[in-house]
C-alpha atoms as a PDB file:
ATOM      1  CA  UNK A   1     -76.991  23.360-141.045  1.00  0.00           C
ATOM      2  CA  UNK A   2     -80.229  21.389-140.922  1.00  0.00           C
ATOM      3  CA  UNK A   3     -83.161  22.132-143.215  1.00  0.00           C
ATOM      4  CA  UNK A   4     -85.271  23.125-140.196  1.00  0.00           C
ATOM      5  CA  UNK A   5     -82.866  25.943-139.304  1.00  0.00           C
ATOM      6  CA  UNK A   6     -82.490  27.083-142.907  1.00  0.00           C
ATOM      7  CA  UNK A   7     -86.278  27.236-143.289  1.00  0.00           C
ATOM      8  CA  UNK A   8     -86.502  29.603-140.303  1.00  0.00           C
ATOM      9  CA  UNK A   9     -83.953  32.131-141.626  1.00  0.00           C
ATOM     10  CA  UNK A  10     -85.002  35.654-142.620  1.00  0.00           C
ATOM     11  CA  UNK A  11     -82.519  36.447-145.359  1.00  0.00           C
ATOM     12  CA  UNK A  12     -83.117  39.441-147.593  1.00  0.00           C
ATOM     13  CA  UNK A  13     -80.963  39.633-150.726  1.00  0.00           C
ATOM     14  CA  UNK A  14     -80.971  42.656-152.995  1.00  0.00           C
ATOM     15  CA  UNK A  15     -80.563  42.585-156.767  1.00  0.00           C
ATOM     16  CA  UNK A  16     -80.807  45.684-158.933  1.00  0.00           C
ATOM     17  CA  UNK A  17     -83.024  45.501-162.011  1.00  0.00           C
ATOM     18  CA  UNK A  18     -83.357  48.311-164.529  1.00  0.00           C
ATOM     19  CA  UNK A  19     -86.474  48.520-166.663  1.00  0.00           C
ATOM     20  CA  UNK A  20     -87.363  50.752-169.560  1.00  0.00           C
ATOM     21  CA  UNK A  21     -89.757  53.381-168.284  1.00  0.00           C
ATOM     22  CA  UNK A  22     -90.525  56.024-170.909  1.00  0.00           C
ATOM     23  CA  UNK A  23     -88.888  56.526-174.291  1.00  0.00           C
ATOM     24  CA  UNK A  24     -85.800  54.520-173.454  1.00  0.00           C
ATOM     25  CA  UNK A  25     -85.278  55.947-169.961  1.00  0.00           C
ATOM     26  CA  UNK A  26     -84.307  53.343-167.414  1.00  0.00           C
ATOM     27  CA  UNK A  27     -85.467  53.208-163.831  1.00  0.00           C
ATOM     28  CA  UNK A  28     -85.072  50.819-160.912  1.00  0.00           C
ATOM     29  CA  UNK A  29     -87.891  48.376-160.239  1.00  0.00           C
ATOM     30  CA  UNK A  30     -88.114  47.559-156.546  1.00  0.00           C
ATOM     31  CA  UNK A  31     -89.695  44.150-156.254  1.00  0.00           C
ATOM     32  CA  UNK A  32     -89.970  42.059-153.119  1.00  0.00           C
ATOM     33  CA  UNK A  33     -89.996  38.358-154.016  1.00  0.00           C
ATOM     34  CA  UNK A  34     -90.804  35.833-151.316  1.00  0.00           C
ATOM     35  CA  UNK A  35     -91.361  32.116-151.592  1.00  0.00           C
ATOM     36  CA  UNK A  36     -91.765  29.045-149.420  1.00  0.00           C
ATOM     37  CA  UNK A  37     -93.486  30.772-146.517  1.00  0.00           C
ATOM     38  CA  UNK A  38     -95.232  27.505-145.562  1.00  0.00           C
ATOM     39  CA  UNK A  39     -95.800  27.629-141.770  1.00  0.00           C
ATOM     40  CA  UNK A  40     -93.715  30.744-141.079  1.00  0.00           C
ATOM     41  CA  UNK A  41     -95.133  34.051-139.888  1.00  0.00           C
ATOM     42  CA  UNK A  42     -94.285  37.294-141.664  1.00  0.00           C
ATOM     43  CA  UNK A  43     -93.253  39.510-138.778  1.00  0.00           C
ATOM     44  CA  UNK A  44     -91.920  42.988-138.050  1.00  0.00           C
ATOM     45  CA  UNK A  45     -88.298  41.745-138.093  1.00  0.00           C
ATOM     46  CA  UNK A  46     -88.617  40.724-141.734  1.00  0.00           C
ATOM     47  CA  UNK A  47     -90.516  43.880-142.663  1.00  0.00           C
ATOM     48  CA  UNK A  48     -87.767  46.051-141.091  1.00  0.00           C
ATOM     49  CA  UNK A  49     -85.093  44.264-143.144  1.00  0.00           C
ATOM     50  CA  UNK A  50     -86.774  45.402-146.348  1.00  0.00           C
ATOM     51  CA  UNK A  51     -86.672  49.099-145.319  1.00  0.00           C
ATOM     52  CA  UNK A  52     -87.127  50.608-148.788  1.00  0.00           C
ATOM     53  CA  UNK A  53     -90.105  51.413-151.007  1.00  0.00           C
ATOM     54  CA  UNK A  54     -91.406  48.434-152.983  1.00  0.00           C
ATOM     55  CA  UNK A  55     -93.139  48.682-156.371  1.00  0.00           C
ATOM     56  CA  UNK A  56     -94.599  45.186-156.165  1.00  0.00           C
ATOM     57  CA  UNK A  57     -94.594  42.003-154.106  1.00  0.00           C
ATOM     58  CA  UNK A  58     -94.388  38.589-155.750  1.00  0.00           C
ATOM     59  CA  UNK A  59     -95.285  35.519-153.717  1.00  0.00           C
ATOM     60  CA  UNK A  60     -93.541  32.779-155.655  1.00  0.00           C
ATOM     61  CA  UNK A  61     -95.412  29.758-154.381  1.00  0.00           C
ATOM     62  CA  UNK A  62     -95.820  27.720-151.247  1.00  0.00           C
ATOM     63  CA  UNK A  63     -97.533  30.435-149.261  1.00  0.00           C
ATOM     64  CA  UNK A  64     -99.162  27.582-147.326  1.00  0.00           C
ATOM     65  CA  UNK A  65     -99.331  23.855-146.814  1.00  0.00           C
ATOM     66  CA  UNK A  66    -101.642  21.384-145.126  1.00  0.00           C
ATOM     67  CA  UNK A  67    -102.153  22.276-141.483  1.00  0.00           C
ATOM     68  CA  UNK A  68    -101.495  26.014-141.839  1.00  0.00           C
ATOM     69  CA  UNK A  69    -104.468  27.918-140.422  1.00  0.00           C
ATOM     70  CA  UNK A  70    -106.222  30.294-142.817  1.00  0.00           C
ATOM     71  CA  UNK A  71    -105.906  33.012-140.172  1.00  0.00           C
ATOM     72  CA  UNK A  72    -102.093  32.790-140.369  1.00  0.00           C
ATOM     73  CA  UNK A  73    -102.165  32.984-144.164  1.00  0.00           C
ATOM     74  CA  UNK A  74    -104.456  36.010-143.949  1.00  0.00           C
ATOM     75  CA  UNK A  75    -102.171  37.757-141.423  1.00  0.00           C
ATOM     76  CA  UNK A  76     -99.140  37.079-143.637  1.00  0.00           C
ATOM     77  CA  UNK A  77    -100.942  38.578-146.630  1.00  0.00           C
ATOM     78  CA  UNK A  78    -101.981  41.610-144.582  1.00  0.00           C
ATOM     79  CA  UNK A  79     -98.338  42.193-143.590  1.00  0.00           C
ATOM     80  CA  UNK A  80     -97.075  41.833-147.164  1.00  0.00           C
ATOM     81  CA  UNK A  81     -99.863  44.079-148.419  1.00  0.00           C
ATOM     82  CA  UNK A  82     -98.259  46.967-146.513  1.00  0.00           C
ATOM     83  CA  UNK A  83     -95.343  46.831-148.951  1.00  0.00           C
ATOM     84  CA  UNK A  84     -97.226  47.264-152.227  1.00  0.00           C
ATOM     85  CA  UNK A  85     -99.377  45.550-154.860  1.00  0.00           C
ATOM     86  CA  UNK A  86     -99.141  41.767-154.616  1.00  0.00           C
ATOM     87  CA  UNK A  87     -98.974  38.977-157.195  1.00  0.00           C
ATOM     88  CA  UNK A  88     -99.200  35.256-156.437  1.00  0.00           C
ATOM     89  CA  UNK A  89     -97.917  32.181-158.280  1.00  0.00           C
ATOM     90  CA  UNK A  90     -99.202  28.778-157.141  1.00  0.00           C
ATOM     91  CA  UNK A  91     -96.720  26.431-155.473  1.00  0.00           C
ATOM     92  CA  UNK A  92     -96.997  22.680-155.158  1.00  0.00           C
ATOM     93  CA  UNK A  93     -98.217  22.892-151.529  1.00  0.00           C
ATOM     94  CA  UNK A  94    -100.677  25.788-151.754  1.00  0.00           C
ATOM     95  CA  UNK A  95    -103.698  23.778-152.827  1.00  0.00           C
ATOM     96  CA  UNK A  96    -103.345  21.517-149.764  1.00  0.00           C
ATOM     97  CA  UNK A  97    -105.349  24.080-147.749  1.00  0.00           C
ATOM     98  CA  UNK A  98    -108.044  24.222-150.431  1.00  0.00           C
ATOM     99  CA  UNK A  99    -107.796  26.182-153.661  1.00  0.00           C
ATOM    100  CA  UNK A 100    -111.108  27.922-152.972  1.00  0.00           C
ATOM    101  CA  UNK A 101    -109.763  29.083-149.571  1.00  0.00           C
ATOM    102  CA  UNK A 102    -106.606  30.521-151.110  1.00  0.00           C
ATOM    103  CA  UNK A 103    -108.564  32.226-153.904  1.00  0.00           C
ATOM    104  CA  UNK A 104    -110.916  33.804-151.330  1.00  0.00           C
ATOM    105  CA  UNK A 105    -107.973  35.125-149.295  1.00  0.00           C
ATOM    106  CA  UNK A 106    -106.319  36.509-152.420  1.00  0.00           C
ATOM    107  CA  UNK A 107    -109.489  38.365-153.319  1.00  0.00           C
ATOM    108  CA  UNK A 108    -109.881  39.681-149.759  1.00  0.00           C
ATOM    109  CA  UNK A 109    -106.320  41.055-149.756  1.00  0.00           C
ATOM    110  CA  UNK A 110    -106.439  42.287-153.365  1.00  0.00           C
ATOM    111  CA  UNK A 111    -103.743  39.896-154.580  1.00  0.00           C
ATOM    112  CA  UNK A 112    -103.533  39.171-158.302  1.00  0.00           C
ATOM    113  CA  UNK A 113    -103.208  35.437-158.953  1.00  0.00           C
ATOM    114  CA  UNK A 114    -100.984  34.679-161.928  1.00  0.00           C
ATOM    115  CA  UNK A 115    -102.778  31.582-163.213  1.00  0.00           C
ATOM    116  CA  UNK A 116    -101.488  29.695-166.222  1.00  0.00           C
ATOM    117  CA  UNK A 117    -104.246  30.305-168.749  1.00  0.00           C
ATOM    118  CA  UNK A 118    -102.328  28.924-171.730  1.00  0.00           C
ATOM    119  CA  UNK A 119    -104.115  26.020-173.383  1.00  0.00           C
END
């Protein structure tokens, strides 16, 4: 299968993670992790596949790339924001649309950027 077709797939894989909650009690952490959105649109089909409560959303890089309109990025963030609190990790293509633009969109949509602050 060509890379173009693979990039357009909407696969949702589920993994169960238990975390310590209070005094040794374990609970499930429902996290939605998405990466390499690039030029794709987050749509209702993808959102329906998730169909369970989400504790947090992690955007693991490459939300955008050169040529992706800021309006599309904003719409994608608005869709993902419906799921729960969002966290963003920079990908190698994200700064191609302008770091200041991405930072402004993250602030607008209340996304926490996980910047490497280690010196």
